[in-house]
Amino acid sequence: MDGTWTIGELAEQAARLLGSATQSNGRVRDVPNERLIRWYVTIGLLDPPLARRGRIALYGPRHLLQLVAVKRRQAAGASIADIQAELTGAPNATLEAIATVPSPSPEPPPEAAPRFWTAAARSTEDIPKTVEPVARVHGVRLAPGVTLLLDDAARVPTDGDLGRLAEAAEPLLLRLAELRLLRTRK
């Protein structure tokens, strides 16, 4: 299980691995779609995307393990709350044991038609040589509509860091409000 995928490709990979898994609860989707994946990221069942290329989020093998493990637990009748308690922050070995992802087959999958928006569909001459390596970006919500992005941060911000950042951002938020650059909620 190598590579990175867009959210649509991640959903396709998960559907392929889940096959005909049946759910014990008719309210649960058998296979995940893009909207469900985004929700899982929001509630912490899936890690945030590895990186973004413009507006395209990229997901990796751990995301696929997380997604399949969640669907396997749902198929067994577990609630989302129980799954969150068990799988949030779980190591890959635990996810692999739950997901029961088969080993890759020795024969390569059939070649799919390249999509016009992917780098594979373009000549490598079209790709700029100054592309930055993929790096994780951490976002800190300071206020509705104001997010601080920490590009290539030395570490993930802790809860204590978030409190100190919110305190330090107060003058900036006041100034943004004075300039009417913040939307006020009614």
N, C-alpha and C. Protein backbone atom coordinates (compact mmCIF):
# COMPACT_ATOMS: atom_id res chain seq x y z
N MET A 1 0.85 -1.18 0.00
CA MET A 1 0.00 0.00 0.00
C MET A 1 0.89 1.24 0.00
N ASP A 2 1.23 1.71 -1.17
CA ASP A 2 2.08 2.88 -1.28
C ASP A 2 1.32 3.98 -2.00
N GLY A 3 1.86 5.19 -1.91
CA GLY A 3 1.33 6.28 -2.71
C GLY A 3 0.47 7.24 -1.94
N THR A 4 0.01 8.24 -2.67
CA THR A 4 -0.93 9.21 -2.14
C THR A 4 -2.10 9.28 -3.10
N TRP A 5 -3.24 9.67 -2.55
CA TRP A 5 -4.46 9.71 -3.33
C TRP A 5 -5.24 10.98 -3.03
N THR A 6 -6.04 11.41 -4.00
CA THR A 6 -7.01 12.47 -3.75
C THR A 6 -8.13 11.85 -2.93
N ILE A 7 -9.06 12.66 -2.46
CA ILE A 7 -10.14 12.14 -1.63
C ILE A 7 -11.01 11.15 -2.42
N GLY A 8 -11.24 11.42 -3.70
CA GLY A 8 -12.01 10.50 -4.53
C GLY A 8 -11.30 9.18 -4.73
N GLU A 9 -10.00 9.26 -4.96
CA GLU A 9 -9.21 8.04 -5.12
C GLU A 9 -9.13 7.25 -3.82
N LEU A 10 -9.06 7.95 -2.69
CA LEU A 10 -9.07 7.27 -1.38
C LEU A 10 -10.38 6.51 -1.20
N ALA A 11 -11.50 7.14 -1.54
CA ALA A 11 -12.80 6.47 -1.44
C ALA A 11 -12.84 5.24 -2.33
N GLU A 12 -12.28 5.33 -3.55
CA GLU A 12 -12.25 4.19 -4.47
C GLU A 12 -11.40 3.06 -3.90
N GLN A 13 -10.23 3.40 -3.34
CA GLN A 13 -9.35 2.38 -2.74
C GLN A 13 -10.06 1.67 -1.59
N ALA A 14 -10.72 2.45 -0.75
CA ALA A 14 -11.43 1.85 0.40
C ALA A 14 -12.56 0.95 -0.09
N ALA A 15 -13.31 1.39 -1.09
CA ALA A 15 -14.41 0.58 -1.62
C ALA A 15 -13.86 -0.73 -2.18
N ARG A 16 -12.73 -0.65 -2.86
CA ARG A 16 -12.12 -1.86 -3.42
C ARG A 16 -11.72 -2.83 -2.30
N LEU A 17 -11.11 -2.31 -1.23
CA LEU A 17 -10.67 -3.16 -0.13
C LEU A 17 -11.84 -3.70 0.70
N LEU A 18 -12.89 -2.91 0.82
CA LEU A 18 -14.04 -3.35 1.60
C LEU A 18 -14.87 -4.38 0.85
N GLY A 19 -14.83 -4.33 -0.47
CA GLY A 19 -15.55 -5.31 -1.27
C GLY A 19 -17.03 -5.33 -0.92
N SER A 20 -17.51 -6.49 -0.54
CA SER A 20 -18.93 -6.64 -0.26
C SER A 20 -19.19 -6.75 1.23
N ALA A 21 -18.45 -6.00 2.02
CA ALA A 21 -18.67 -6.01 3.48
C ALA A 21 -20.09 -5.53 3.74
N THR A 22 -20.81 -6.27 4.55
CA THR A 22 -22.19 -5.90 4.84
C THR A 22 -22.27 -5.25 6.20
N GLN A 23 -23.17 -4.32 6.33
CA GLN A 23 -23.35 -3.58 7.57
C GLN A 23 -24.49 -4.19 8.36
N SER A 24 -24.34 -4.21 9.68
CA SER A 24 -25.42 -4.71 10.53
C SER A 24 -26.48 -3.65 10.76
N ASN A 25 -26.19 -2.42 10.37
CA ASN A 25 -27.08 -1.30 10.62
C ASN A 25 -27.41 -0.65 9.27
N GLY A 26 -28.66 -0.63 8.86
CA GLY A 26 -29.05 -0.08 7.57
C GLY A 26 -28.77 1.39 7.42
N ARG A 27 -28.48 2.12 8.51
CA ARG A 27 -28.22 3.56 8.44
C ARG A 27 -26.76 3.85 8.09
N VAL A 28 -25.92 2.85 8.07
CA VAL A 28 -24.49 3.03 7.83
C VAL A 28 -24.18 2.72 6.38
N ARG A 29 -23.40 3.59 5.72
CA ARG A 29 -23.01 3.35 4.33
C ARG A 29 -22.03 2.19 4.26
N ASP A 30 -22.21 1.32 3.28
CA ASP A 30 -21.29 0.20 3.09
C ASP A 30 -19.90 0.68 2.73
N VAL A 31 -19.82 1.63 1.80
CA VAL A 31 -18.53 2.16 1.37
C VAL A 31 -18.52 3.67 1.56
N PRO A 32 -17.38 4.22 1.89
CA PRO A 32 -17.32 5.66 2.16
C PRO A 32 -17.34 6.49 0.88
N ASN A 33 -17.92 7.68 0.98
CA ASN A 33 -17.85 8.63 -0.12
C ASN A 33 -17.02 9.84 0.35
N GLU A 34 -16.82 10.81 -0.52
CA GLU A 34 -15.97 11.95 -0.20
C GLU A 34 -16.51 12.74 0.99
N ARG A 35 -17.80 12.93 1.03
CA ARG A 35 -18.41 13.71 2.12
C ARG A 35 -18.18 13.02 3.47
N LEU A 36 -18.34 11.70 3.49
CA LEU A 36 -18.13 10.94 4.72
C LEU A 36 -16.67 11.01 5.16
N ILE A 37 -15.76 10.94 4.21
CA ILE A 37 -14.33 11.03 4.54
C ILE A 37 -14.03 12.38 5.17
N ARG A 38 -14.57 13.46 4.59
CA ARG A 38 -14.35 14.79 5.18
C ARG A 38 -14.89 14.86 6.61
N TRP A 39 -16.05 14.25 6.84
CA TRP A 39 -16.63 14.25 8.18
C TRP A 39 -15.75 13.47 9.14
N TYR A 40 -15.25 12.32 8.71
CA TYR A 40 -14.36 11.53 9.56
C TYR A 40 -13.11 12.33 9.94
N VAL A 41 -12.57 13.12 9.00
CA VAL A 41 -11.42 13.96 9.32
C VAL A 41 -11.83 15.01 10.36
N THR A 42 -13.00 15.61 10.17
CA THR A 42 -13.49 16.64 11.09
C THR A 42 -13.64 16.12 12.51
N ILE A 43 -14.15 14.89 12.66
CA ILE A 43 -14.37 14.35 14.01
C ILE A 43 -13.16 13.58 14.54
N GLY A 44 -12.07 13.54 13.77
CA GLY A 44 -10.83 12.95 14.26
C GLY A 44 -10.68 11.45 14.02
N LEU A 45 -11.59 10.82 13.29
CA LEU A 45 -11.43 9.40 12.98
C LEU A 45 -10.33 9.18 11.95
N LEU A 46 -10.13 10.14 11.08
CA LEU A 46 -9.04 10.09 10.10
C LEU A 46 -8.12 11.27 10.38
N ASP A 47 -6.82 11.05 10.20
CA ASP A 47 -5.85 12.13 10.33
C ASP A 47 -6.13 13.19 9.27
N PRO A 48 -5.68 14.42 9.50
CA PRO A 48 -5.80 15.44 8.44
C PRO A 48 -5.01 15.01 7.21
N PRO A 49 -5.32 15.55 6.04
CA PRO A 49 -4.59 15.18 4.83
C PRO A 49 -3.08 15.37 5.01
N LEU A 50 -2.30 14.57 4.27
CA LEU A 50 -0.84 14.67 4.31
C LEU A 50 -0.37 16.02 3.80
N ALA A 51 -0.99 16.48 2.73
CA ALA A 51 -0.57 17.73 2.09
C ALA A 51 -1.71 18.22 1.20
N ARG A 52 -1.51 19.39 0.67
CA ARG A 52 -2.48 19.95 -0.29
C ARG A 52 -1.71 20.45 -1.49
N ARG A 53 -2.29 20.21 -2.65
CA ARG A 53 -1.79 20.79 -3.90
C ARG A 53 -2.87 21.75 -4.35
N GLY A 54 -2.72 23.01 -4.01
CA GLY A 54 -3.80 23.96 -4.26
C GLY A 54 -4.97 23.59 -3.37
N ARG A 55 -6.11 23.31 -3.97
CA ARG A 55 -7.30 22.93 -3.20
C ARG A 55 -7.48 21.42 -3.10
N ILE A 56 -6.53 20.67 -3.65
CA ILE A 56 -6.63 19.20 -3.66
C ILE A 56 -5.89 18.65 -2.45
N ALA A 57 -6.61 17.93 -1.59
CA ALA A 57 -6.00 17.29 -0.42
C ALA A 57 -5.47 15.93 -0.83
N LEU A 58 -4.32 15.57 -0.26
CA LEU A 58 -3.70 14.28 -0.56
C LEU A 58 -3.69 13.41 0.69
N TYR A 59 -4.07 12.15 0.50
CA TYR A 59 -4.17 11.18 1.58
C TYR A 59 -3.22 10.02 1.30
N GLY A 60 -2.77 9.35 2.37
CA GLY A 60 -1.81 8.27 2.22
C GLY A 60 -2.30 6.95 2.76
N PRO A 61 -1.39 5.98 2.83
CA PRO A 61 -1.74 4.63 3.28
C PRO A 61 -2.36 4.58 4.68
N ARG A 62 -1.90 5.42 5.60
CA ARG A 62 -2.49 5.41 6.95
C ARG A 62 -3.96 5.82 6.90
N HIS A 63 -4.30 6.79 6.06
CA HIS A 63 -5.70 7.20 5.92
C HIS A 63 -6.55 6.04 5.43
N LEU A 64 -6.01 5.28 4.48
CA LEU A 64 -6.75 4.14 3.96
C LEU A 64 -6.96 3.10 5.05
N LEU A 65 -5.92 2.83 5.85
CA LEU A 65 -6.06 1.89 6.96
C LEU A 65 -7.12 2.38 7.95
N GLN A 66 -7.07 3.67 8.28
CA GLN A 66 -8.04 4.24 9.22
C GLN A 66 -9.46 4.08 8.68
N LEU A 67 -9.65 4.42 7.42
CA LEU A 67 -10.97 4.39 6.81
C LEU A 67 -11.54 2.97 6.78
N VAL A 68 -10.72 2.01 6.36
CA VAL A 68 -11.18 0.63 6.29
C VAL A 68 -11.44 0.08 7.70
N ALA A 69 -10.58 0.43 8.66
CA ALA A 69 -10.78 -0.03 10.03
C ALA A 69 -12.10 0.51 10.60
N VAL A 70 -12.39 1.78 10.34
CA VAL A 70 -13.65 2.37 10.82
C VAL A 70 -14.84 1.62 10.21
N LYS A 71 -14.80 1.37 8.91
CA LYS A 71 -15.91 0.69 8.26
C LYS A 71 -16.04 -0.75 8.75
N ARG A 72 -14.92 -1.41 9.04
CA ARG A 72 -14.98 -2.78 9.58
C ARG A 72 -15.66 -2.78 10.96
N ARG A 73 -15.29 -1.79 11.79
CA ARG A 73 -15.90 -1.70 13.12
C ARG A 73 -17.39 -1.39 13.00
N GLN A 74 -17.76 -0.51 12.06
CA GLN A 74 -19.17 -0.20 11.87
C GLN A 74 -19.92 -1.44 11.40
N ALA A 75 -19.30 -2.22 10.52
CA ALA A 75 -19.94 -3.45 10.03
C ALA A 75 -20.18 -4.43 11.17
N ALA A 76 -19.32 -4.36 12.20
CA ALA A 76 -19.49 -5.23 13.36
C ALA A 76 -20.51 -4.67 14.35
N GLY A 77 -21.04 -3.47 14.06
CA GLY A 77 -22.09 -2.90 14.90
C GLY A 77 -21.61 -1.89 15.93
N ALA A 78 -20.34 -1.50 15.89
CA ALA A 78 -19.83 -0.52 16.86
C ALA A 78 -20.35 0.87 16.53
N SER A 79 -20.57 1.68 17.57
CA SER A 79 -21.01 3.06 17.39
C SER A 79 -19.82 3.94 17.04
N ILE A 80 -20.10 5.10 16.47
CA ILE A 80 -19.03 6.05 16.14
C ILE A 80 -18.26 6.42 17.41
N ALA A 81 -18.95 6.64 18.52
CA ALA A 81 -18.27 7.00 19.78
C ALA A 81 -17.31 5.90 20.21
N ASP A 82 -17.74 4.63 20.10
CA ASP A 82 -16.87 3.52 20.47
C ASP A 82 -15.67 3.44 19.53
N ILE A 83 -15.93 3.66 18.25
CA ILE A 83 -14.85 3.60 17.26
C ILE A 83 -13.85 4.73 17.51
N GLN A 84 -14.34 5.93 17.83
CA GLN A 84 -13.45 7.04 18.14
C GLN A 84 -12.57 6.70 19.34
N ALA A 85 -13.18 6.16 20.37
CA ALA A 85 -12.42 5.82 21.58
C ALA A 85 -11.34 4.78 21.28
N GLU A 86 -11.64 3.85 20.41
CA GLU A 86 -10.69 2.77 20.11
C GLU A 86 -9.62 3.19 19.11
N LEU A 87 -10.00 3.93 18.05
CA LEU A 87 -9.09 4.13 16.92
C LEU A 87 -8.40 5.48 16.85
N THR A 88 -8.88 6.49 17.55
CA THR A 88 -8.24 7.79 17.46
C THR A 88 -6.81 7.69 17.97
N GLY A 89 -5.86 7.99 17.09
CA GLY A 89 -4.45 7.94 17.44
C GLY A 89 -3.87 6.54 17.50
N ALA A 90 -4.61 5.54 17.03
CA ALA A 90 -4.14 4.15 17.08
C ALA A 90 -2.93 3.98 16.16
N PRO A 91 -1.96 3.15 16.57
CA PRO A 91 -0.80 2.91 15.70
C PRO A 91 -1.20 2.10 14.47
N ASN A 92 -0.37 2.15 13.44
CA ASN A 92 -0.67 1.45 12.19
C ASN A 92 -0.87 -0.04 12.40
N ALA A 93 -0.11 -0.66 13.30
CA ALA A 93 -0.25 -2.10 13.54
C ALA A 93 -1.66 -2.45 14.00
N THR A 94 -2.22 -1.62 14.87
CA THR A 94 -3.60 -1.84 15.34
C THR A 94 -4.58 -1.66 14.19
N LEU A 95 -4.39 -0.61 13.40
CA LEU A 95 -5.28 -0.37 12.26
C LEU A 95 -5.21 -1.52 11.25
N GLU A 96 -3.99 -2.03 10.99
CA GLU A 96 -3.82 -3.14 10.05
C GLU A 96 -4.56 -4.38 10.54
N ALA A 97 -4.47 -4.65 11.85
CA ALA A 97 -5.13 -5.83 12.41
C ALA A 97 -6.65 -5.72 12.27
N ILE A 98 -7.19 -4.53 12.45
CA ILE A 98 -8.65 -4.34 12.35
C ILE A 98 -9.09 -4.29 10.89
N ALA A 99 -8.32 -3.60 10.06
CA ALA A 99 -8.70 -3.41 8.65
C ALA A 99 -8.60 -4.71 7.86
N THR A 100 -7.72 -5.60 8.28
CA THR A 100 -7.46 -6.85 7.56
C THR A 100 -7.34 -6.61 6.06
N VAL A 101 -6.40 -5.75 5.72
CA VAL A 101 -6.15 -5.41 4.33
C VAL A 101 -5.31 -6.51 3.72
N PRO A 102 -5.76 -7.10 2.60
CA PRO A 102 -4.98 -8.18 1.98
C PRO A 102 -3.67 -7.67 1.39
N SER A 103 -2.72 -8.57 1.26
CA SER A 103 -1.45 -8.22 0.62
C SER A 103 -1.71 -7.88 -0.83
N PRO A 104 -0.91 -6.97 -1.38
CA PRO A 104 -1.13 -6.61 -2.78
C PRO A 104 -0.90 -7.81 -3.69
N SER A 105 -1.69 -7.90 -4.76
CA SER A 105 -1.56 -9.00 -5.71
C SER A 105 -0.29 -8.81 -6.52
N PRO A 106 0.33 -9.91 -6.98
CA PRO A 106 1.57 -9.78 -7.74
C PRO A 106 1.39 -9.12 -9.10
N GLU A 107 0.20 -9.21 -9.67
CA GLU A 107 -0.02 -8.59 -10.97
C GLU A 107 -0.48 -7.14 -10.80
N PRO A 108 0.02 -6.24 -11.63
CA PRO A 108 -0.37 -4.83 -11.49
C PRO A 108 -1.81 -4.62 -11.95
N PRO A 109 -2.49 -3.62 -11.36
CA PRO A 109 -3.86 -3.33 -11.78
C PRO A 109 -3.88 -2.82 -13.21
N PRO A 110 -5.01 -2.94 -13.90
CA PRO A 110 -5.07 -2.44 -15.28
C PRO A 110 -4.84 -0.93 -15.30
N GLU A 111 -4.20 -0.48 -16.36
CA GLU A 111 -3.85 0.93 -16.51
C GLU A 111 -5.12 1.76 -16.72
N ALA A 112 -5.33 2.74 -15.88
CA ALA A 112 -6.50 3.63 -16.01
C ALA A 112 -6.13 4.79 -16.91
N ALA A 113 -7.14 5.35 -17.55
CA ALA A 113 -6.90 6.52 -18.38
C ALA A 113 -6.48 7.68 -17.48
N PRO A 114 -5.42 8.41 -17.84
CA PRO A 114 -4.98 9.51 -16.98
C PRO A 114 -6.02 10.62 -16.94
N ARG A 115 -6.16 11.21 -15.79
CA ARG A 115 -7.09 12.33 -15.63
C ARG A 115 -6.36 13.60 -15.99
N PHE A 116 -7.03 14.50 -16.70
CA PHE A 116 -6.37 15.68 -17.23
C PHE A 116 -5.77 16.57 -16.16
N TRP A 117 -6.27 16.52 -14.93
CA TRP A 117 -5.79 17.41 -13.89
C TRP A 117 -4.63 16.81 -13.09
N THR A 118 -4.25 15.60 -13.35
CA THR A 118 -3.16 14.99 -12.59
C THR A 118 -1.85 15.16 -13.32
N ALA A 119 -0.77 15.14 -12.56
CA ALA A 119 0.56 15.27 -13.14
C ALA A 119 0.85 14.12 -14.10
N ALA A 120 0.28 12.93 -13.84
CA ALA A 120 0.54 11.78 -14.70
C ALA A 120 0.02 12.00 -16.11
N ALA A 121 -0.98 12.84 -16.26
CA ALA A 121 -1.56 13.09 -17.57
C ALA A 121 -0.77 14.11 -18.37
N ARG A 122 0.15 14.80 -17.73
CA ARG A 122 0.94 15.83 -18.40
C ARG A 122 2.37 15.35 -18.61
N SER A 123 3.01 15.96 -19.51
CA SER A 123 4.42 15.67 -19.74
C SER A 123 5.21 16.18 -18.54
N THR A 124 6.29 15.49 -18.19
CA THR A 124 7.10 15.95 -17.06
C THR A 124 7.78 17.27 -17.38
N GLU A 125 7.84 17.63 -18.65
CA GLU A 125 8.42 18.92 -19.02
C GLU A 125 7.54 20.07 -18.54
N ASP A 126 6.23 19.80 -18.36
CA ASP A 126 5.30 20.84 -17.92
C ASP A 126 5.40 21.12 -16.42
N ILE A 127 6.02 20.23 -15.67
CA ILE A 127 6.08 20.38 -14.23
C ILE A 127 7.29 21.24 -13.87
N PRO A 128 7.06 22.33 -13.12
CA PRO A 128 8.19 23.20 -12.76
C PRO A 128 9.21 22.43 -11.92
N LYS A 129 10.47 22.74 -12.13
CA LYS A 129 11.55 22.06 -11.40
C LYS A 129 11.73 22.62 -9.99
N THR A 130 11.04 23.70 -9.64
CA THR A 130 11.19 24.32 -8.33
C THR A 130 10.09 23.91 -7.37
N VAL A 131 9.46 22.77 -7.61
CA VAL A 131 8.39 22.32 -6.74
C VAL A 131 8.96 22.00 -5.36
N GLU A 132 8.32 22.54 -4.33
CA GLU A 132 8.76 22.31 -2.96
C GLU A 132 8.39 20.90 -2.53
N PRO A 133 9.18 20.30 -1.66
CA PRO A 133 8.80 18.98 -1.17
C PRO A 133 7.52 19.07 -0.35
N VAL A 134 6.78 17.99 -0.31
CA VAL A 134 5.54 17.95 0.45
C VAL A 134 5.86 18.13 1.93
N ALA A 135 5.14 19.01 2.58
CA ALA A 135 5.36 19.27 4.01
C ALA A 135 4.01 19.39 4.69
N ARG A 136 3.98 19.03 5.95
CA ARG A 136 2.75 19.14 6.73
C ARG A 136 2.58 20.59 7.17
N VAL A 137 1.36 21.09 7.09
CA VAL A 137 1.01 22.44 7.52
C VAL A 137 0.01 22.32 8.66
N HIS A 138 0.24 23.05 9.73
CA HIS A 138 -0.68 23.03 10.87
C HIS A 138 -1.46 24.33 10.88
N GLY A 139 -2.76 24.25 11.06
CA GLY A 139 -3.61 25.42 11.11
C GLY A 139 -4.15 25.63 12.51
N VAL A 140 -4.14 26.87 12.95
CA VAL A 140 -4.67 27.22 14.27
C VAL A 140 -5.78 28.24 14.05
N ARG A 141 -7.02 27.89 14.40
CA ARG A 141 -8.15 28.79 14.23
C ARG A 141 -8.09 29.82 15.34
N LEU A 142 -7.86 31.09 14.99
CA LEU A 142 -7.79 32.17 15.97
C LEU A 142 -9.17 32.76 16.23
N ALA A 143 -10.00 32.78 15.22
CA ALA A 143 -11.36 33.31 15.30
C ALA A 143 -12.08 32.81 14.05
N PRO A 144 -13.40 32.87 14.02
CA PRO A 144 -14.10 32.47 12.79
C PRO A 144 -13.58 33.29 11.61
N GLY A 145 -13.07 32.60 10.62
CA GLY A 145 -12.55 33.27 9.43
C GLY A 145 -11.09 33.66 9.52
N VAL A 146 -10.43 33.39 10.64
CA VAL A 146 -9.01 33.74 10.79
C VAL A 146 -8.26 32.49 11.25
N THR A 147 -7.41 31.99 10.39
CA THR A 147 -6.62 30.80 10.70
C THR A 147 -5.15 31.11 10.49
N LEU A 148 -4.35 30.78 11.47
CA LEU A 148 -2.90 30.92 11.39
C LEU A 148 -2.35 29.62 10.86
N LEU A 149 -1.60 29.67 9.75
CA LEU A 149 -0.98 28.48 9.18
C LEU A 149 0.49 28.45 9.56
N LEU A 150 0.90 27.33 10.14
CA LEU A 150 2.29 27.13 10.51
C LEU A 150 2.88 26.18 9.48
N ASP A 151 3.54 26.75 8.50
CA ASP A 151 4.13 25.97 7.42
C ASP A 151 5.48 25.46 7.85
N ASP A 152 5.67 24.16 7.76
CA ASP A 152 6.94 23.52 8.12
C ASP A 152 7.30 23.79 9.58
N ALA A 153 6.30 23.68 10.47
CA ALA A 153 6.53 23.92 11.90
C ALA A 153 7.45 22.84 12.46
N ALA A 154 8.19 23.19 13.49
CA ALA A 154 9.12 22.26 14.11
C ALA A 154 8.38 21.14 14.84
N ARG A 155 7.15 21.43 15.29
CA ARG A 155 6.36 20.42 16.01
C ARG A 155 4.89 20.79 15.93
N VAL A 156 4.04 19.87 16.32
CA VAL A 156 2.60 20.11 16.34
C VAL A 156 2.28 20.97 17.56
N PRO A 157 1.47 22.03 17.39
CA PRO A 157 1.12 22.88 18.53
C PRO A 157 0.35 22.09 19.60
N THR A 158 0.69 22.32 20.85
CA THR A 158 -0.01 21.68 21.97
C THR A 158 -1.19 22.55 22.38
N ASP A 159 -2.04 22.03 23.29
CA ASP A 159 -3.15 22.82 23.80
C ASP A 159 -2.63 24.09 24.49
N GLY A 160 -1.52 23.96 25.20
CA GLY A 160 -0.93 25.14 25.85
C GLY A 160 -0.48 26.17 24.84
N ASP A 161 0.11 25.69 23.73
CA ASP A 161 0.52 26.60 22.65
C ASP A 161 -0.69 27.34 22.10
N LEU A 162 -1.80 26.62 21.93
CA LEU A 162 -3.00 27.23 21.36
C LEU A 162 -3.51 28.36 22.24
N GLY A 163 -3.48 28.16 23.55
CA GLY A 163 -3.90 29.21 24.47
C GLY A 163 -3.01 30.44 24.38
N ARG A 164 -1.71 30.20 24.33
CA ARG A 164 -0.77 31.33 24.22
C ARG A 164 -0.90 32.05 22.88
N LEU A 165 -1.14 31.29 21.81
CA LEU A 165 -1.33 31.92 20.50
C LEU A 165 -2.61 32.76 20.47
N ALA A 166 -3.67 32.25 21.09
CA ALA A 166 -4.93 33.00 21.14
C ALA A 166 -4.73 34.30 21.89
N GLU A 167 -3.99 34.24 22.98
CA GLU A 167 -3.72 35.45 23.77
C GLU A 167 -2.89 36.44 22.97
N ALA A 168 -1.87 35.96 22.28
CA ALA A 168 -1.01 36.83 21.48
C ALA A 168 -1.75 37.42 20.28
N ALA A 169 -2.78 36.72 19.79
CA ALA A 169 -3.51 37.17 18.61
C ALA A 169 -4.58 38.21 18.92
N GLU A 170 -4.89 38.43 20.20
CA GLU A 170 -5.95 39.37 20.54
C GLU A 170 -5.79 40.74 19.90
N PRO A 171 -4.61 41.38 19.99
CA PRO A 171 -4.48 42.70 19.35
C PRO A 171 -4.73 42.65 17.83
N LEU A 172 -4.26 41.59 17.19
CA LEU A 172 -4.48 41.45 15.75
C LEU A 172 -5.98 41.31 15.46
N LEU A 173 -6.67 40.50 16.23
CA LEU A 173 -8.10 40.30 16.02
C LEU A 173 -8.88 41.59 16.25
N LEU A 174 -8.48 42.35 17.26
CA LEU A 174 -9.13 43.65 17.51
C LEU A 174 -8.92 44.58 16.32
N ARG A 175 -7.70 44.59 15.79
CA ARG A 175 -7.39 45.46 14.65
C ARG A 175 -8.18 45.03 13.41
N LEU A 176 -8.28 43.72 13.20
CA LEU A 176 -9.06 43.21 12.07
C LEU A 176 -10.53 43.60 12.21
N ALA A 177 -11.04 43.56 13.43
CA ALA A 177 -12.43 43.96 13.68
C ALA A 177 -12.60 45.45 13.41
N GLU A 178 -11.64 46.27 13.86
CA GLU A 178 -11.70 47.71 13.61
C GLU A 178 -11.72 48.01 12.11
N LEU A 179 -10.94 47.25 11.36
CA LEU A 179 -10.88 47.45 9.91
C LEU A 179 -12.06 46.78 9.19
N ARG A 180 -12.93 46.17 9.95
CA ARG A 180 -14.10 45.45 9.44
C ARG A 180 -13.71 44.34 8.46
N LEU A 181 -12.63 43.67 8.80
CA LEU A 181 -12.18 42.54 8.00
C LEU A 181 -12.67 41.20 8.56
N LEU A 182 -13.31 41.26 9.72
CA LEU A 182 -13.89 40.06 10.32
C LEU A 182 -15.40 40.10 10.15
N ARG A 183 -15.98 38.96 9.87
CA ARG A 183 -17.44 38.89 9.80
C ARG A 183 -17.96 38.73 11.21
N THR A 184 -18.98 39.48 11.54
CA THR A 184 -19.60 39.33 12.86
C THR A 184 -20.77 38.40 12.72
N ARG A 185 -20.91 37.50 13.68
CA ARG A 185 -22.02 36.55 13.65
C ARG A 185 -23.20 37.15 14.40
N LYS A 186 -24.38 36.99 13.82
CA LYS A 186 -25.57 37.57 14.44
C LYS A 186 -26.39 36.50 15.07
